[in-house]
Protein backbone atom coordinates (compact mmCIF):
# COMPACT_ATOMS: atom_id res chain seq x y z
CA MET A 1 116.47 96.90 90.92
CA LYS A 2 114.10 94.89 93.15
CA TYR A 3 115.31 92.87 94.89
CA LYS A 4 113.29 89.74 96.41
CA ILE A 5 114.79 88.58 99.64
CA LYS A 6 115.59 90.68 102.34
CA PRO A 7 119.41 90.92 103.56
CA GLU A 8 120.09 89.45 107.20
CA THR A 9 123.45 91.10 107.40
CA PHE A 10 125.27 94.54 107.12
CA ILE A 11 129.00 93.56 106.83
CA LEU A 12 131.42 96.72 107.33
CA ASP A 13 135.49 96.97 107.23
CA LEU A 14 136.62 99.34 109.28
CA ASP A 15 139.31 100.93 108.28
CA GLY A 16 138.32 103.47 105.09
CA VAL A 17 134.98 102.78 105.76
CA LEU A 18 134.11 103.65 109.39
CA SER A 19 137.11 105.38 110.05
CA ASP A 20 139.09 107.45 106.97
CA GLY A 21 141.48 105.36 106.48
CA LYS A 22 144.17 107.34 107.97
CA PHE A 23 146.94 105.66 110.51
CA TYR A 24 148.17 108.29 112.62
CA TYR A 25 151.85 107.45 113.71
CA SER A 26 153.97 109.30 116.44
CA ASP A 27 157.38 107.62 117.17
CA GLU A 28 155.19 105.05 119.21
CA GLY A 29 153.53 103.65 117.05
CA LYS A 30 149.94 103.92 115.98
CA MET A 31 148.10 106.90 118.05
CA MET A 32 144.24 107.38 116.80
CA LYS A 33 142.06 106.71 114.09
CA VAL A 34 138.81 109.44 112.97
CA PHE A 35 135.86 108.58 113.23
CA SER A 36 132.34 110.00 111.38
CA VAL A 37 129.91 111.51 113.95
CA ASP A 38 126.54 110.14 112.36
CA ASP A 39 127.64 106.67 111.66
CA HIS A 40 126.92 105.17 115.17
CA ASP A 41 123.35 106.44 114.80
CA ALA A 42 122.55 105.36 111.69
CA LEU A 43 123.95 101.99 112.28
CA ASP A 44 121.68 101.70 115.82
CA TYR A 45 118.44 102.05 113.91
CA LEU A 46 119.84 100.43 110.93
CA GLY A 47 120.15 97.33 113.37
CA LYS A 48 116.57 96.89 114.05
CA PHE A 49 116.50 95.60 110.55
CA LEU A 50 119.42 93.63 109.85
CA LYS A 51 122.36 92.08 111.90
CA ILE A 52 125.53 94.35 112.02
CA LYS A 53 129.33 93.09 111.41
CA VAL A 54 132.26 94.70 111.75
CA ILE A 55 135.58 93.82 110.36
CA THR A 56 139.13 95.08 110.41
CA ALA A 57 142.37 93.65 109.02
CA ASP A 58 144.42 96.23 111.45
CA SER A 59 146.43 93.78 113.73
CA LYS A 60 148.73 96.83 114.97
CA GLY A 61 145.45 98.74 115.35
CA PHE A 62 142.85 96.81 116.92
CA LYS A 63 143.06 98.12 120.30
CA ILE A 64 142.04 101.64 119.34
CA SER A 65 139.20 99.94 116.57
CA LYS A 66 138.11 97.35 119.39
CA ARG A 67 137.54 100.96 121.73
CA ARG A 68 135.55 102.46 119.45
CA ILE A 69 133.11 99.15 118.05
CA GLU A 70 132.95 97.23 120.67
CA ASN A 71 133.53 99.80 123.56
CA ASP A 72 131.28 103.28 122.38
CA MET A 73 129.25 101.61 119.54
CA GLY A 74 128.48 98.03 121.21
CA LEU A 75 129.09 96.17 118.04
CA SER A 76 131.62 93.27 117.95
CA LEU A 77 134.53 93.32 116.00
CA GLU A 78 136.39 90.74 113.98
CA LEU A 79 140.15 90.58 113.03
CA VAL A 80 140.37 89.16 109.19
CA PRO A 81 142.84 89.60 106.80
CA ALA A 82 142.00 91.02 103.47
CA GLN A 83 142.95 88.69 101.12
CA ASN A 84 141.25 85.49 103.27
CA ARG A 85 138.20 87.77 103.75
CA VAL A 86 135.62 85.73 101.22
CA GLU A 87 136.64 82.74 102.88
CA TRP A 88 136.09 83.73 106.67
CA LEU A 89 132.77 85.25 105.50
CA SER A 90 131.13 82.29 103.65
CA SER A 91 132.12 80.38 106.69
CA ARG A 92 130.34 82.18 109.01
CA PHE A 93 127.09 84.24 106.77
CA ASP A 94 125.02 83.58 103.67
CA LEU A 95 126.48 85.88 101.20
CA THR A 96 123.97 85.70 99.25
CA LYS A 97 121.64 87.60 102.10
CA ALA A 98 124.81 90.22 102.82
CA ILE A 99 125.10 93.49 102.18
CA TYR A 100 129.29 94.89 102.15
CA MET A 101 130.65 98.02 102.71
CA GLY A 102 134.33 98.02 101.86
CA ASP A 103 137.35 100.53 100.42
CA GLY A 104 140.36 98.58 99.29
CA ILE A 105 142.04 96.63 97.44
CA PHE A 106 140.79 93.22 98.24
CA ASP A 107 137.14 93.96 98.51
CA PHE A 108 135.62 93.59 95.18
CA LEU A 109 136.14 90.17 95.79
CA VAL A 110 133.83 90.19 98.65
CA PHE A 111 131.76 92.51 96.23
CA LYS A 112 130.74 89.20 93.70
CA GLU A 113 129.91 86.65 96.11
CA VAL A 114 127.17 89.56 98.35
CA MET A 115 123.65 90.54 97.10
CA TYR A 116 124.57 94.27 97.30
CA SER A 117 128.27 96.02 97.88
CA ILE A 118 128.85 99.52 99.13
CA SER A 119 131.91 101.97 98.77
CA PRO A 120 132.65 104.81 99.54
CA SER A 121 133.39 107.76 97.38
CA SER A 122 136.67 107.32 98.53
CA ALA A 123 137.69 104.10 98.18
CA LEU A 124 140.25 102.42 95.66
CA PHE A 125 138.67 103.54 92.23
CA SER A 126 138.48 99.85 91.11
CA THR A 127 136.67 99.14 94.24
CA LYS A 128 134.15 101.54 93.32
CA LYS A 129 133.75 100.73 89.86
CA ASN A 130 132.35 96.71 91.11
CA ALA A 131 130.59 98.33 93.61
CA ASP A 132 126.30 98.18 93.69
CA PHE A 133 126.48 101.69 95.44
CA VAL A 134 128.98 104.44 95.94
CA THR A 135 128.64 106.92 98.73
CA LYS A 136 129.14 110.73 98.29
CA SER A 137 130.17 110.64 101.17
CA LYS A 138 133.94 110.14 102.01
CA SER A 139 135.30 107.44 104.85
CA GLY A 140 135.48 108.62 108.29
CA GLU A 141 132.69 111.77 107.03
CA ARG A 142 129.11 110.14 107.37
CA ALA A 143 129.74 107.59 104.40
CA VAL A 144 128.39 104.81 106.32
CA ALA A 145 125.27 106.71 107.74
CA GLU A 146 124.64 107.26 103.81
CA ALA A 147 124.92 103.62 103.16
CA CYS A 148 122.26 103.07 106.05
CA ILE A 149 120.08 105.65 104.59
CA LYS A 150 120.14 103.44 101.32
CA ILE A 151 120.17 100.37 102.85
CA LEU A 152 116.76 101.00 104.65
CA GLU A 153 115.49 103.02 101.33
CA VAL A 154 116.45 100.09 98.68
CA PHE A 155 115.45 96.66 100.63
CA PHE A 156 113.17 98.15 103.74
CA LYS A 157 111.28 100.70 101.62
CA LYS A 158 111.53 103.26 104.62
CA HIS A 159 112.37 106.78 102.98
CA ASN A 160 114.42 109.83 104.02
CA ILE A 161 113.70 107.98 107.91
CA PHE A 162 116.42 110.96 109.02
CA THR A 163 115.33 113.75 107.32
CA GLN A 164 111.58 114.40 108.56
């Protein structure tokens, strides 16, 4: 499919997309999240072409997420309830010029509003069914890097930039 306009923003849900989507608990509470190694580099490169925005609904693990996304990756992170995403996103972004990557039960609602939607292979079945592109990689296992490569190919005609 050919797109007449280029996207301006790539919005990613954090848990189940950038992380493996699992929460690791001890008797003291949420302890850690698992992130992939190549996703940061791929997002850095993609950031030359469009804005990158990361959101999460996980208030209990927000400190962990903030450490990785803001401190380590240099991106901004917003706490946005899953059920209010469409309203929150549409008040801040032109969704007709946005790409959204999500995995959860409510993400298909966002998929209906954006120009292009992506889900990792480990996403909920109904979310994958409604996505424009489903990665072969699982969340937290380079799915975001794969999505970045796809975006570069489809919208910016950059082919195989990470394999040359």
